[in-house]
Amino acid sequence: MNIDKTKILNNICYTELVYNRINKKLKSNLTKSEIETMLFDIINETREKFFQKIGKNFYISNTENNIRITINSYTYRIITVDRITKIENKLIKDK
């Protein structure tokens, strides 16, 4: 399946709760604007071979930043962001 990165970038959106969830998962204290800029940049720089659609979600894995972004494929809403472990990172790179 071909995933349109430009469409994702043009339509991503956030709920109020997701900002706190992202800061908690990344152990950071970023502002809403900083989170939005960071995620936009990460999605933009990630090659499309690291985009997956499983069920109703897109999973974008960026090995340089050790991050996986989960986005609802219908609403383009950011659901969560997770740190990728070294083992997961190696498995992703080997694909």
Protein backbone atom coordinates (compact mmCIF):
# COMPACT_ATOMS: atom_id res chain seq x y z
CA MET A 1 0.00 0.00 0.00
CA ASN A 2 1.29 3.42 -0.95
CA ILE A 3 1.10 5.96 1.89
CA ASP A 4 0.90 9.65 0.94
CA LYS A 5 3.32 11.45 3.25
CA THR A 6 2.26 14.88 1.92
CA LYS A 7 -1.37 14.17 2.77
CA ILE A 8 -0.38 13.19 6.30
CA LEU A 9 1.72 16.35 6.74
CA ASN A 10 -1.08 18.56 5.42
CA ASN A 11 -3.73 17.03 7.67
CA ILE A 12 -2.13 16.04 10.98
CA CYS A 13 -3.99 17.33 14.02
CA TYR A 14 -3.78 17.02 17.78
CA THR A 15 -6.06 16.73 20.80
CA GLU A 16 -5.30 18.58 24.02
CA LEU A 17 -4.56 15.31 25.81
CA VAL A 18 -1.97 14.11 23.30
CA TYR A 19 0.51 16.89 24.14
CA ASN A 20 0.76 15.67 27.75
CA ARG A 21 0.95 12.05 26.57
CA ILE A 22 3.83 12.87 24.22
CA ASN A 23 5.75 14.75 26.92
CA LYS A 24 5.21 11.88 29.35
CA LYS A 25 6.30 9.18 26.89
CA LEU A 26 9.36 11.14 25.72
CA LYS A 27 10.18 12.33 29.25
CA SER A 28 10.23 15.91 27.99
CA ASN A 29 8.58 19.23 28.74
CA LEU A 30 7.95 20.63 25.27
CA THR A 31 5.36 23.27 24.42
CA LYS A 32 2.51 22.50 22.02
CA SER A 33 4.29 24.42 19.30
CA GLU A 34 7.57 22.58 19.89
CA ILE A 35 5.80 19.21 19.75
CA GLU A 36 4.02 20.10 16.51
CA THR A 37 7.23 21.36 14.89
CA MET A 38 9.23 18.33 16.06
CA LEU A 39 6.67 15.82 14.77
CA PHE A 40 6.20 17.63 11.47
CA ASP A 41 9.97 17.67 10.92
CA ILE A 42 10.36 14.01 11.88
CA ILE A 43 7.54 12.90 9.58
CA ASN A 44 8.90 15.08 6.78
CA GLU A 45 12.44 13.68 7.02
CA THR A 46 11.37 10.03 7.42
CA ARG A 47 11.55 7.99 4.22
CA GLU A 48 8.24 6.45 3.17
CA LYS A 49 9.62 2.93 3.47
CA PHE A 50 9.38 3.48 7.25
CA PHE A 51 5.63 4.25 7.05
CA GLN A 52 3.24 1.39 7.78
CA LYS A 53 -0.53 1.17 7.81
CA ILE A 54 -1.83 -1.47 10.18
CA GLY A 55 -5.57 -1.49 10.73
CA LYS A 56 -6.79 2.07 11.12
CA ASN A 57 -3.42 3.56 12.06
CA PHE A 58 -0.26 4.78 10.38
CA TYR A 59 2.99 3.95 12.17
CA ILE A 60 5.94 6.13 11.26
CA SER A 61 9.28 4.87 12.57
CA ASN A 62 12.23 7.25 12.55
CA THR A 63 15.42 5.44 13.52
CA GLU A 64 17.57 8.59 13.69
CA ASN A 65 15.35 10.02 16.43
CA ASN A 66 14.44 6.61 17.95
CA ILE A 67 10.76 7.49 17.66
CA ARG A 68 7.58 5.83 16.38
CA ILE A 69 4.59 8.10 15.72
CA THR A 70 1.09 6.62 15.66
CA ILE A 71 -1.51 8.49 13.58
CA ASN A 72 -5.17 7.64 12.96
CA SER A 73 -5.42 7.04 9.20
CA TYR A 74 -8.99 8.38 8.95
CA THR A 75 -8.68 11.61 10.96
CA TYR A 76 -4.89 12.13 10.74
CA ARG A 77 -4.93 12.75 14.48
CA ILE A 78 -1.71 12.04 16.35
CA ILE A 79 -2.47 9.25 18.81
CA THR A 80 0.87 8.80 20.53
CA VAL A 81 4.64 8.82 20.18
CA ASP A 82 6.88 6.06 21.51
CA ARG A 83 10.61 5.68 21.93
CA ILE A 84 12.06 2.86 19.86
CA THR A 85 14.46 0.57 21.69
CA LYS A 86 17.84 -0.36 20.21
CA ILE A 87 16.54 -3.82 19.29
CA GLU A 88 13.44 -2.41 17.56
CA ASN A 89 15.62 0.17 15.84
CA LYS A 90 17.86 -2.55 14.38
CA LEU A 91 14.86 -4.59 13.19
CA ILE A 92 13.37 -1.53 11.47
CA LYS A 93 16.66 -0.63 9.76
CA ASP A 94 17.07 -4.21 8.51
CA LYS A 95 13.76 -4.11 6.60
